[in-house]
Amino acid sequence: ESVMASIRTSGPSREAVLVRKSAVTFVDGKATVFVEESPRHYVPVAVRLGLDDGSHQEVLEGLQEGALVVVSGVFALKSELFR
């Protein structure tokens, strides 16, 4: 699951793509999320991260709005990459 949000600060507001922090892992030193490509088929996608609020992470590049991302079981999917 991904979320589109408007982050309000003391400056101008802007829209951002957010994911739960649990969705983000690091593969070869690169921030990565697993995106559902088809039922039960997930692909790793490198992303560029922005701000986080402790529970959600802003994704600046690499993830389309509305993409379905894995938020639990990420470690198991990451382990499959190295088998």
PDB file of N, CA and C in Angstrom:
ATOM      1  N   GLU A   1       0.842  -1.160   0.000  1.00  0.00           N
ATOM      2  CA  GLU A   1       0.000   0.000   0.000  1.00  0.00           C
ATOM      3  C   GLU A   1       0.889   1.224   0.000  1.00  0.00           C
ATOM      4  N   SER A   2       0.501   2.236  -0.679  1.00  0.00           N
ATOM      5  CA  SER A   2       1.192   3.523  -0.629  1.00  0.00           C
ATOM      6  C   SER A   2       0.145   4.588  -0.370  1.00  0.00           C
ATOM      7  N   VAL A   3       0.604   5.729   0.063  1.00  0.00           N
ATOM      8  CA  VAL A   3      -0.298   6.795   0.460  1.00  0.00           C
ATOM      9  C   VAL A   3       0.137   8.077  -0.216  1.00  0.00           C
ATOM     10  N   MET A   4      -0.821   8.861  -0.704  1.00  0.00           N
ATOM     11  CA  MET A   4      -0.538  10.196  -1.219  1.00  0.00           C
ATOM     12  C   MET A   4      -0.933  11.161  -0.127  1.00  0.00           C
ATOM     13  N   ALA A   5      -0.038  12.062   0.241  1.00  0.00           N
ATOM     14  CA  ALA A   5      -0.322  12.967   1.357  1.00  0.00           C
ATOM     15  C   ALA A   5       0.123  14.374   1.029  1.00  0.00           C
ATOM     16  N   SER A   6      -0.482  15.304   1.694  1.00  0.00           N
ATOM     17  CA  SER A   6      -0.053  16.690   1.626  1.00  0.00           C
ATOM     18  C   SER A   6       0.598  16.996   2.960  1.00  0.00           C
ATOM     19  N   ILE A   7       1.882  17.344   2.932  1.00  0.00           N
ATOM     20  CA  ILE A   7       2.629  17.614   4.154  1.00  0.00           C
ATOM     21  C   ILE A   7       2.623  19.112   4.387  1.00  0.00           C
ATOM     22  N   ARG A   8       2.111  19.522   5.526  1.00  0.00           N
ATOM     23  CA  ARG A   8       2.027  20.947   5.853  1.00  0.00           C
ATOM     24  C   ARG A   8       3.132  21.310   6.832  1.00  0.00           C
ATOM     25  N   THR A   9       3.876  22.296   6.472  1.00  0.00           N
ATOM     26  CA  THR A   9       4.936  22.806   7.329  1.00  0.00           C
ATOM     27  C   THR A   9       4.755  24.309   7.409  1.00  0.00           C
ATOM     28  N   SER A  10       5.722  24.982   7.969  1.00  0.00           N
ATOM     29  CA  SER A  10       5.603  26.430   8.037  1.00  0.00           C
ATOM     30  C   SER A  10       5.756  27.071   6.657  1.00  0.00           C
ATOM     31  N   GLY A  11       6.293  26.307   5.709  1.00  0.00           N
ATOM     32  CA  GLY A  11       6.437  26.794   4.339  1.00  0.00           C
ATOM     33  C   GLY A  11       5.263  26.323   3.498  1.00  0.00           C
ATOM     34  N   PRO A  12       5.408  26.392   2.187  1.00  0.00           N
ATOM     35  CA  PRO A  12       4.327  25.965   1.298  1.00  0.00           C
ATOM     36  C   PRO A  12       4.099  24.458   1.394  1.00  0.00           C
ATOM     37  N   SER A  13       2.852  24.022   1.180  1.00  0.00           N
ATOM     38  CA  SER A  13       2.554  22.594   1.214  1.00  0.00           C
ATOM     39  C   SER A  13       2.954  21.963  -0.111  1.00  0.00           C
ATOM     40  N   ARG A  14       3.117  20.636  -0.075  1.00  0.00           N
ATOM     41  CA  ARG A  14       3.439  19.892  -1.293  1.00  0.00           C
ATOM     42  C   ARG A  14       2.899  18.492  -1.156  1.00  0.00           C
ATOM     43  N   GLU A  15       2.670  17.839  -2.264  1.00  0.00           N
ATOM     44  CA  GLU A  15       2.200  16.469  -2.252  1.00  0.00           C
ATOM     45  C   GLU A  15       3.399  15.538  -2.242  1.00  0.00           C
ATOM     46  N   ALA A  16       3.213  14.371  -1.616  1.00  0.00           N
ATOM     47  CA  ALA A  16       4.309  13.411  -1.510  1.00  0.00           C
ATOM     48  C   ALA A  16       3.750  11.996  -1.523  1.00  0.00           C
ATOM     49  N   VAL A  17       4.558  11.063  -2.019  1.00  0.00           N
ATOM     50  CA  VAL A  17       4.231   9.651  -1.932  1.00  0.00           C
ATOM     51  C   VAL A  17       4.847   9.143  -0.641  1.00  0.00           C
ATOM     52  N   LEU A  18       4.027   8.500   0.203  1.00  0.00           N
ATOM     53  CA  LEU A  18       4.488   7.980   1.477  1.00  0.00           C
ATOM     54  C   LEU A  18       4.254   6.480   1.540  1.00  0.00           C
ATOM     55  N   VAL A  19       5.164   5.781   2.205  1.00  0.00           N
ATOM     56  CA  VAL A  19       4.984   4.365   2.514  1.00  0.00           C
ATOM     57  C   VAL A  19       5.288   4.177   3.996  1.00  0.00           C
ATOM     58  N   ARG A  20       4.801   3.094   4.556  1.00  0.00           N
ATOM     59  CA  ARG A  20       5.187   2.775   5.932  1.00  0.00           C
ATOM     60  C   ARG A  20       6.684   2.513   5.963  1.00  0.00           C
ATOM     61  N   LYS A  21       7.320   2.916   7.043  1.00  0.00           N
ATOM     62  CA  LYS A  21       8.765   2.708   7.156  1.00  0.00           C
ATOM     63  C   LYS A  21       9.129   1.237   7.068  1.00  0.00           C
ATOM     64  N   SER A  22       8.217   0.365   7.497  1.00  0.00           N
ATOM     65  CA  SER A  22       8.483  -1.077   7.444  1.00  0.00           C
ATOM     66  C   SER A  22       8.604  -1.593   6.013  1.00  0.00           C
ATOM     67  N   ALA A  23       8.157  -0.819   5.038  1.00  0.00           N
ATOM     68  CA  ALA A  23       8.235  -1.230   3.634  1.00  0.00           C
ATOM     69  C   ALA A  23       9.628  -1.028   3.057  1.00  0.00           C
ATOM     70  N   VAL A  24      10.437  -0.197   3.695  1.00  0.00           N
ATOM     71  CA  VAL A  24      11.750   0.164   3.153  1.00  0.00           C
ATOM     72  C   VAL A  24      12.830  -0.746   3.722  1.00  0.00           C
ATOM     73  N   THR A  25      13.636  -1.295   2.836  1.00  0.00           N
ATOM     74  CA  THR A  25      14.802  -2.071   3.216  1.00  0.00           C
ATOM     75  C   THR A  25      15.974  -1.590   2.373  1.00  0.00           C
ATOM     76  N   PHE A  26      17.157  -2.084   2.653  1.00  0.00           N
ATOM     77  CA  PHE A  26      18.333  -1.680   1.885  1.00  0.00           C
ATOM     78  C   PHE A  26      18.947  -2.904   1.241  1.00  0.00           C
ATOM     79  N   VAL A  27      19.115  -2.842  -0.074  1.00  0.00           N
ATOM     80  CA  VAL A  27      19.712  -3.908  -0.859  1.00  0.00           C
ATOM     81  C   VAL A  27      20.950  -3.329  -1.524  1.00  0.00           C
ATOM     82  N   ASP A  28      22.104  -3.901  -1.219  1.00  0.00           N
ATOM     83  CA  ASP A  28      23.378  -3.393  -1.737  1.00  0.00           C
ATOM     84  C   ASP A  28      23.531  -1.907  -1.451  1.00  0.00           C
ATOM     85  N   GLY A  29      23.082  -1.489  -0.272  1.00  0.00           N
ATOM     86  CA  GLY A  29      23.225  -0.103   0.152  1.00  0.00           C
ATOM     87  C   GLY A  29      22.211   0.859  -0.431  1.00  0.00           C
ATOM     88  N   LYS A  30      21.262   0.354  -1.225  1.00  0.00           N
ATOM     89  CA  LYS A  30      20.262   1.218  -1.853  1.00  0.00           C
ATOM     90  C   LYS A  30      18.895   1.000  -1.220  1.00  0.00           C
ATOM     91  N   ALA A  31      18.203   2.105  -0.914  1.00  0.00           N
ATOM     92  CA  ALA A  31      16.853   2.012  -0.383  1.00  0.00           C
ATOM     93  C   ALA A  31      15.979   1.312  -1.415  1.00  0.00           C
ATOM     94  N   THR A  32      15.205   0.337  -0.944  1.00  0.00           N
ATOM     95  CA  THR A  32      14.417  -0.511  -1.831  1.00  0.00           C
ATOM     96  C   THR A  32      13.070  -0.814  -1.202  1.00  0.00           C
ATOM     97  N   VAL A  33      12.035  -0.877  -2.034  1.00  0.00           N
ATOM     98  CA  VAL A  33      10.731  -1.389  -1.613  1.00  0.00           C
ATOM     99  C   VAL A  33      10.351  -2.514  -2.562  1.00  0.00           C
ATOM    100  N   PHE A  34       9.525  -3.427  -2.097  1.00  0.00           N
ATOM    101  CA  PHE A  34       9.021  -4.496  -2.949  1.00  0.00           C
ATOM    102  C   PHE A  34       7.627  -4.123  -3.406  1.00  0.00           C
ATOM    103  N   VAL A  35       7.433  -4.133  -4.719  1.00  0.00           N
ATOM    104  CA  VAL A  35       6.170  -3.736  -5.334  1.00  0.00           C
ATOM    105  C   VAL A  35       5.507  -4.975  -5.922  1.00  0.00           C
ATOM    106  N   GLU A  36       4.199  -5.081  -5.711  1.00  0.00           N
ATOM    107  CA  GLU A  36       3.448  -6.193  -6.291  1.00  0.00           C
ATOM    108  C   GLU A  36       3.295  -5.962  -7.787  1.00  0.00           C
ATOM    109  N   GLU A  37       3.878  -6.862  -8.568  1.00  0.00           N
ATOM    110  CA  GLU A  37       3.789  -6.774 -10.027  1.00  0.00           C
ATOM    111  C   GLU A  37       2.555  -7.519 -10.526  1.00  0.00           C
ATOM    112  N   SER A  38       2.242  -8.622  -9.890  1.00  0.00           N
ATOM    113  CA  SER A  38       1.038  -9.408 -10.144  1.00  0.00           C
ATOM    114  C   SER A  38       0.777 -10.188  -8.853  1.00  0.00           C
ATOM    115  N   PRO A  39      -0.391 -10.810  -8.723  1.00  0.00           N
ATOM    116  CA  PRO A  39      -0.653 -11.536  -7.477  1.00  0.00           C
ATOM    117  C   PRO A  39       0.472 -12.517  -7.133  1.00  0.00           C
ATOM    118  N   ARG A  40       0.994 -12.368  -5.912  1.00  0.00           N
ATOM    119  CA  ARG A  40       2.074 -13.214  -5.384  1.00  0.00           C
ATOM    120  C   ARG A  40       3.398 -13.071  -6.122  1.00  0.00           C
ATOM    121  N   HIS A  41       3.579 -12.022  -6.880  1.00  0.00           N
ATOM    122  CA  HIS A  41       4.856 -11.767  -7.559  1.00  0.00           C
ATOM    123  C   HIS A  41       5.284 -10.343  -7.245  1.00  0.00           C
ATOM    124  N   TYR A  42       6.405 -10.237  -6.547  1.00  0.00           N
ATOM    125  CA  TYR A  42       6.888  -8.938  -6.069  1.00  0.00           C
ATOM    126  C   TYR A  42       8.264  -8.664  -6.638  1.00  0.00           C
ATOM    127  N   VAL A  43       8.509  -7.423  -6.996  1.00  0.00           N
ATOM    128  CA  VAL A  43       9.803  -7.041  -7.548  1.00  0.00           C
ATOM    129  C   VAL A  43      10.417  -5.938  -6.688  1.00  0.00           C
ATOM    130  N   PRO A  44      11.749  -6.002  -6.509  1.00  0.00           N
ATOM    131  CA  PRO A  44      12.421  -4.945  -5.758  1.00  0.00           C
ATOM    132  C   PRO A  44      12.544  -3.695  -6.621  1.00  0.00           C
ATOM    133  N   VAL A  45      12.287  -2.554  -6.028  1.00  0.00           N
ATOM    134  CA  VAL A  45      12.374  -1.284  -6.743  1.00  0.00           C
ATOM    135  C   VAL A  45      13.237  -0.333  -5.911  1.00  0.00           C
ATOM    136  N   ALA A  46      14.313   0.154  -6.512  1.00  0.00           N
ATOM    137  CA  ALA A  46      15.169   1.136  -5.833  1.00  0.00           C
ATOM    138  C   ALA A  46      14.429   2.469  -5.771  1.00  0.00           C
ATOM    139  N   VAL A  47      14.506   3.117  -4.623  1.00  0.00           N
ATOM    140  CA  VAL A  47      13.815   4.391  -4.428  1.00  0.00           C
ATOM    141  C   VAL A  47      14.774   5.406  -3.815  1.00  0.00           C
ATOM    142  N   ARG A  48      14.434   6.672  -4.003  1.00  0.00           N
ATOM    143  CA  ARG A  48      15.176   7.751  -3.344  1.00  0.00           C
ATOM    144  C   ARG A  48      14.270   8.296  -2.257  1.00  0.00           C
ATOM    145  N   LEU A  49      14.803   8.316  -1.044  1.00  0.00           N
ATOM    146  CA  LEU A  49      14.001   8.683   0.114  1.00  0.00           C
ATOM    147  C   LEU A  49      14.084  10.161   0.430  1.00  0.00           C
ATOM    148  N   GLY A  50      13.017  10.645   1.061  1.00  0.00           N
ATOM    149  CA  GLY A  50      12.966  12.018   1.548  1.00  0.00           C
ATOM    150  C   GLY A  50      12.798  12.005   3.054  1.00  0.00           C
ATOM    151  N   LEU A  51      11.870  12.774   3.532  1.00  0.00           N
ATOM    152  CA  LEU A  51      11.624  12.923   4.967  1.00  0.00           C
ATOM    153  C   LEU A  51      10.854  11.729   5.522  1.00  0.00           C
ATOM    154  N   ASP A  52      10.951  11.536   6.839  1.00  0.00           N
ATOM    155  CA  ASP A  52      10.104  10.551   7.495  1.00  0.00           C
ATOM    156  C   ASP A  52       9.555  11.146   8.782  1.00  0.00           C
ATOM    157  N   ASP A  53       8.429  10.598   9.224  1.00  0.00           N
ATOM    158  CA  ASP A  53       7.803  11.102  10.444  1.00  0.00           C
ATOM    159  C   ASP A  53       7.855  10.092  11.578  1.00  0.00           C
ATOM    160  N   GLY A  54       8.690   9.091  11.437  1.00  0.00           N
ATOM    161  CA  GLY A  54       8.795   8.058  12.451  1.00  0.00           C
ATOM    162  C   GLY A  54       8.016   6.803  12.107  1.00  0.00           C
ATOM    163  N   SER A  55       6.923   6.941  11.375  1.00  0.00           N
ATOM    164  CA  SER A  55       6.151   5.766  10.976  1.00  0.00           C
ATOM    165  C   SER A  55       5.976   5.663   9.463  1.00  0.00           C
ATOM    166  N   HIS A  56       6.102   6.779   8.758  1.00  0.00           N
ATOM    167  CA  HIS A  56       6.001   6.795   7.294  1.00  0.00           C
ATOM    168  C   HIS A  56       7.247   7.421   6.690  1.00  0.00           C
ATOM    169  N   GLN A  57       7.566   6.982   5.480  1.00  0.00           N
ATOM    170  CA  GLN A  57       8.747   7.446   4.767  1.00  0.00           C
ATOM    171  C   GLN A  57       8.316   8.082   3.448  1.00  0.00           C
ATOM    172  N   GLU A  58       8.830   9.252   3.163  1.00  0.00           N
ATOM    173  CA  GLU A  58       8.569   9.904   1.885  1.00  0.00           C
ATOM    174  C   GLU A  58       9.441   9.260   0.818  1.00  0.00           C
ATOM    175  N   VAL A  59       8.861   9.017  -0.351  1.00  0.00           N
ATOM    176  CA  VAL A  59       9.594   8.465  -1.491  1.00  0.00           C
ATOM    177  C   VAL A  59       9.615   9.526  -2.578  1.00  0.00           C
ATOM    178  N   LEU A  60      10.803  10.022  -2.889  1.00  0.00           N
ATOM    179  CA  LEU A  60      10.951  11.100  -3.870  1.00  0.00           C
ATOM    180  C   LEU A  60      10.989  10.590  -5.303  1.00  0.00           C
ATOM    181  N   GLU A  61      11.600   9.426  -5.500  1.00  0.00           N
ATOM    182  CA  GLU A  61      11.731   8.863  -6.851  1.00  0.00           C
ATOM    183  C   GLU A  61      11.666   7.351  -6.789  1.00  0.00           C
ATOM    184  N   GLY A  62      11.171   6.753  -7.872  1.00  0.00           N
ATOM    185  CA  GLY A  62      11.208   5.314  -8.036  1.00  0.00           C
ATOM    186  C   GLY A  62       9.892   4.606  -7.801  1.00  0.00           C
ATOM    187  N   LEU A  63       8.918   5.292  -7.205  1.00  0.00           N
ATOM    188  CA  LEU A  63       7.657   4.645  -6.874  1.00  0.00           C
ATOM    189  C   LEU A  63       6.499   5.457  -7.429  1.00  0.00           C
ATOM    190  N   GLN A  64       5.618   4.778  -8.142  1.00  0.00           N
ATOM    191  CA  GLN A  64       4.449   5.436  -8.703  1.00  0.00           C
ATOM    192  C   GLN A  64       3.359   5.548  -7.642  1.00  0.00           C
ATOM    193  N   GLU A  65       2.626   6.623  -7.660  1.00  0.00           N
ATOM    194  CA  GLU A  65       1.476   6.783  -6.777  1.00  0.00           C
ATOM    195  C   GLU A  65       0.519   5.620  -7.003  1.00  0.00           C
ATOM    196  N   GLY A  66       0.020   5.045  -5.926  1.00  0.00           N
ATOM    197  CA  GLY A  66      -0.932   3.948  -6.021  1.00  0.00           C
ATOM    198  C   GLY A  66      -0.311   2.572  -6.130  1.00  0.00           C
ATOM    199  N   ALA A  67       1.011   2.481  -6.226  1.00  0.00           N
ATOM    200  CA  ALA A  67       1.671   1.175  -6.301  1.00  0.00           C
ATOM    201  C   ALA A  67       1.416   0.404  -5.012  1.00  0.00           C
ATOM    202  N   LEU A  68       1.259  -0.887  -5.123  1.00  0.00           N
ATOM    203  CA  LEU A  68       1.079  -1.741  -3.954  1.00  0.00           C
ATOM    204  C   LEU A  68       2.441  -2.209  -3.473  1.00  0.00           C
ATOM    205  N   VAL A  69       2.804  -1.806  -2.268  1.00  0.00           N
ATOM    206  CA  VAL A  69       4.109  -2.168  -1.723  1.00  0.00           C
ATOM    207  C   VAL A  69       3.932  -3.095  -0.529  1.00  0.00           C
ATOM    208  N   VAL A  70       4.906  -3.957  -0.335  1.00  0.00           N
ATOM    209  CA  VAL A  70       4.901  -4.893   0.784  1.00  0.00           C
ATOM    210  C   VAL A  70       5.283  -4.139   2.045  1.00  0.00           C
ATOM    211  N   VAL A  71       4.491  -4.315   3.116  1.00  0.00           N
ATOM    212  CA  VAL A  71       4.797  -3.646   4.382  1.00  0.00           C
ATOM    213  C   VAL A  71       5.135  -4.633   5.490  1.00  0.00           C
ATOM    214  N   SER A  72       4.856  -5.919   5.297  1.00  0.00           N
ATOM    215  CA  SER A  72       5.286  -6.932   6.251  1.00  0.00           C
ATOM    216  C   SER A  72       5.811  -8.125   5.463  1.00  0.00           C
ATOM    217  N   GLY A  73       6.796  -8.800   6.017  1.00  0.00           N
ATOM    218  CA  GLY A  73       7.432  -9.899   5.292  1.00  0.00           C
ATOM    219  C   GLY A  73       8.526  -9.425   4.352  1.00  0.00           C
ATOM    220  N   VAL A  74       8.942  -8.183   4.502  1.00  0.00           N
ATOM    221  CA  VAL A  74       9.969  -7.609   3.629  1.00  0.00           C
ATOM    222  C   VAL A  74      11.283  -8.369   3.769  1.00  0.00           C
ATOM    223  N   PHE A  75      11.646  -8.743   4.998  1.00  0.00           N
ATOM    224  CA  PHE A  75      12.911  -9.454   5.219  1.00  0.00           C
ATOM    225  C   PHE A  75      12.929 -10.777   4.462  1.00  0.00           C
ATOM    226  N   ALA A  76      11.800 -11.494   4.463  1.00  0.00           N
ATOM    227  CA  ALA A  76      11.737 -12.768   3.741  1.00  0.00           C
ATOM    228  C   ALA A  76      11.924 -12.562   2.242  1.00  0.00           C
ATOM    229  N   LEU A  77      11.306 -11.526   1.693  1.00  0.00           N
ATOM    230  CA  LEU A  77      11.483 -11.245   0.262  1.00  0.00           C
ATOM    231  C   LEU A  77      12.922 -10.859  -0.043  1.00  0.00           C
ATOM    232  N   LYS A  78      13.520 -10.065   0.826  1.00  0.00           N
ATOM    233  CA  LYS A  78      14.916  -9.669   0.635  1.00  0.00           C
ATOM    234  C   LYS A  78      15.818 -10.899   0.666  1.00  0.00           C
ATOM    235  N   SER A  79      15.548 -11.828   1.576  1.00  0.00           N
ATOM    236  CA  SER A  79      16.349 -13.052   1.685  1.00  0.00           C
ATOM    237  C   SER A  79      16.291 -13.871   0.395  1.00  0.00           C
ATOM    238  N   GLU A  80      15.134 -13.860  -0.275  1.00  0.00           N
ATOM    239  CA  GLU A  80      14.992 -14.592  -1.525  1.00  0.00           C
ATOM    240  C   GLU A  80      15.884 -14.043  -2.631  1.00  0.00           C
ATOM    241  N   LEU A  81      16.226 -12.766  -2.551  1.00  0.00           N
ATOM    242  CA  LEU A  81      17.089 -12.150  -3.576  1.00  0.00           C
ATOM    243  C   LEU A  81      18.489 -12.772  -3.575  1.00  0.00           C
ATOM    244  N   PHE A  82      18.917 -13.251  -2.416  1.00  0.00           N
ATOM    245  CA  PHE A  82      20.299 -13.733  -2.267  1.00  0.00           C
ATOM    246  C   PHE A  82      20.395 -15.253  -2.264  1.00  0.00           C
ATOM    247  N   ARG A  83      19.346 -15.935  -2.654  1.00  0.00           N
ATOM    248  CA  ARG A  83      19.369 -17.404  -2.728  1.00  0.00           C
ATOM    249  C   ARG A  83      19.898 -17.865  -4.034  1.00  0.00           C
TER     250      ARG A  83
END
